[in-house]
Amino acid sequence: MNTLEYSKSVAENVAKALDGANLSISTVAERTGIPRTTLSRHLNHPETAPFDVIELSRIAKLTRKTVSSLVRVKSPALAGEGVE
């Protein structure tokens, strides 16, 4: 997995955590201190604007997740890809 794929995967994990906690980008921005435009850029363009550890920590705390759950990616074999 390259850096681009990893950044996209992290953004997907964050989006799922926000959905699961029923939080809007505006609410997350207000409660974490991360500007709304920055959050939107991270979620929509992770290839050029990936999340940093401090942001992930704030989001994890707000969504009651761990940082490791936000950065975890499934290996292709575990996801059923490339298995014959």
Protein backbone atom coordinates (compact mmCIF):
# COMPACT_ATOMS: atom_id res chain seq x y z
CA MET A 1 0.00 0.00 0.00
CA ASN A 2 1.40 3.37 -0.94
CA THR A 3 1.03 6.67 0.90
CA LEU A 4 -1.83 7.86 -1.29
CA GLU A 5 -3.88 4.72 -0.67
CA TYR A 6 -3.12 4.90 3.05
CA SER A 7 -4.24 8.55 3.30
CA LYS A 8 -7.48 7.71 1.49
CA SER A 9 -8.10 4.78 3.82
CA VAL A 10 -7.57 6.94 6.91
CA ALA A 11 -9.98 9.56 5.53
CA GLU A 12 -12.58 6.83 4.94
CA ASN A 13 -12.13 5.58 8.51
CA VAL A 14 -12.58 9.10 9.88
CA ALA A 15 -15.69 9.65 7.75
CA LYS A 16 -17.18 6.37 9.07
CA ALA A 17 -16.37 7.36 12.65
CA LEU A 18 -18.06 10.73 12.18
CA ASP A 19 -21.12 9.08 10.62
CA GLY A 20 -21.22 6.51 13.39
CA ALA A 21 -21.16 9.25 16.01
CA ASN A 22 -23.75 11.23 14.02
CA LEU A 23 -21.45 14.26 13.85
CA SER A 24 -21.37 16.86 11.11
CA ILE A 25 -18.16 18.45 9.88
CA SER A 26 -19.27 21.75 11.41
CA THR A 27 -19.84 20.13 14.81
CA VAL A 28 -16.49 18.34 14.69
CA ALA A 29 -14.76 21.59 13.74
CA GLU A 30 -16.37 23.42 16.63
CA ARG A 31 -15.58 20.74 19.21
CA THR A 32 -12.02 19.94 18.09
CA GLY A 33 -10.79 23.36 17.04
CA ILE A 34 -9.91 22.07 13.57
CA PRO A 35 -11.19 24.54 10.96
CA ARG A 36 -14.20 23.24 9.01
CA THR A 37 -12.48 23.91 5.68
CA THR A 38 -9.45 21.92 6.84
CA LEU A 39 -11.60 18.96 7.88
CA SER A 40 -13.41 19.06 4.56
CA ARG A 41 -10.12 19.16 2.67
CA HIS A 42 -8.76 16.21 4.66
CA LEU A 43 -11.88 14.15 3.97
CA ASN A 44 -12.27 15.06 0.30
CA HIS A 45 -8.64 15.39 -0.79
CA PRO A 46 -6.52 13.17 1.48
CA GLU A 47 -3.96 12.72 -1.29
CA THR A 48 -2.90 16.36 -0.91
CA ALA A 49 -4.09 17.08 2.64
CA PRO A 50 -3.78 14.03 4.92
CA PHE A 51 -4.78 14.14 8.59
CA ASP A 52 -2.02 14.68 11.13
CA VAL A 53 -1.72 12.83 14.44
CA ILE A 54 -3.00 15.68 16.58
CA GLU A 55 -6.13 16.03 14.44
CA LEU A 56 -6.71 12.28 14.54
CA SER A 57 -6.30 12.31 18.32
CA ARG A 58 -8.92 15.05 18.70
CA ILE A 59 -11.33 13.25 16.37
CA ALA A 60 -10.77 9.93 18.14
CA LYS A 61 -11.57 11.48 21.50
CA LEU A 62 -14.72 13.12 20.15
CA THR A 63 -15.97 9.95 18.42
CA ARG A 64 -14.88 7.69 21.29
CA LYS A 65 -12.59 5.72 19.01
CA THR A 66 -8.89 5.03 19.29
CA VAL A 67 -6.37 6.66 17.00
CA SER A 68 -5.25 3.19 15.98
CA SER A 69 -8.78 2.37 14.79
CA LEU A 70 -8.75 5.47 12.60
CA VAL A 71 -5.41 4.62 11.00
CA ARG A 72 -5.95 0.85 10.70
CA VAL A 73 -6.21 -0.55 7.20
CA LYS A 74 -7.24 -4.00 6.15
CA SER A 75 -4.67 -6.05 4.34
CA PRO A 76 -5.79 -7.04 0.83
CA ALA A 77 -5.73 -10.75 1.76
CA LEU A 78 -8.00 -10.17 4.76
CA ALA A 79 -10.36 -8.09 2.65
CA GLY A 80 -10.69 -10.95 0.18
CA GLU A 81 -8.64 -9.34 -2.56
CA GLY A 82 -6.04 -11.38 -4.33
CA VAL A 83 -7.07 -14.59 -2.63
CA GLU A 84 -7.38 -17.56 -4.95
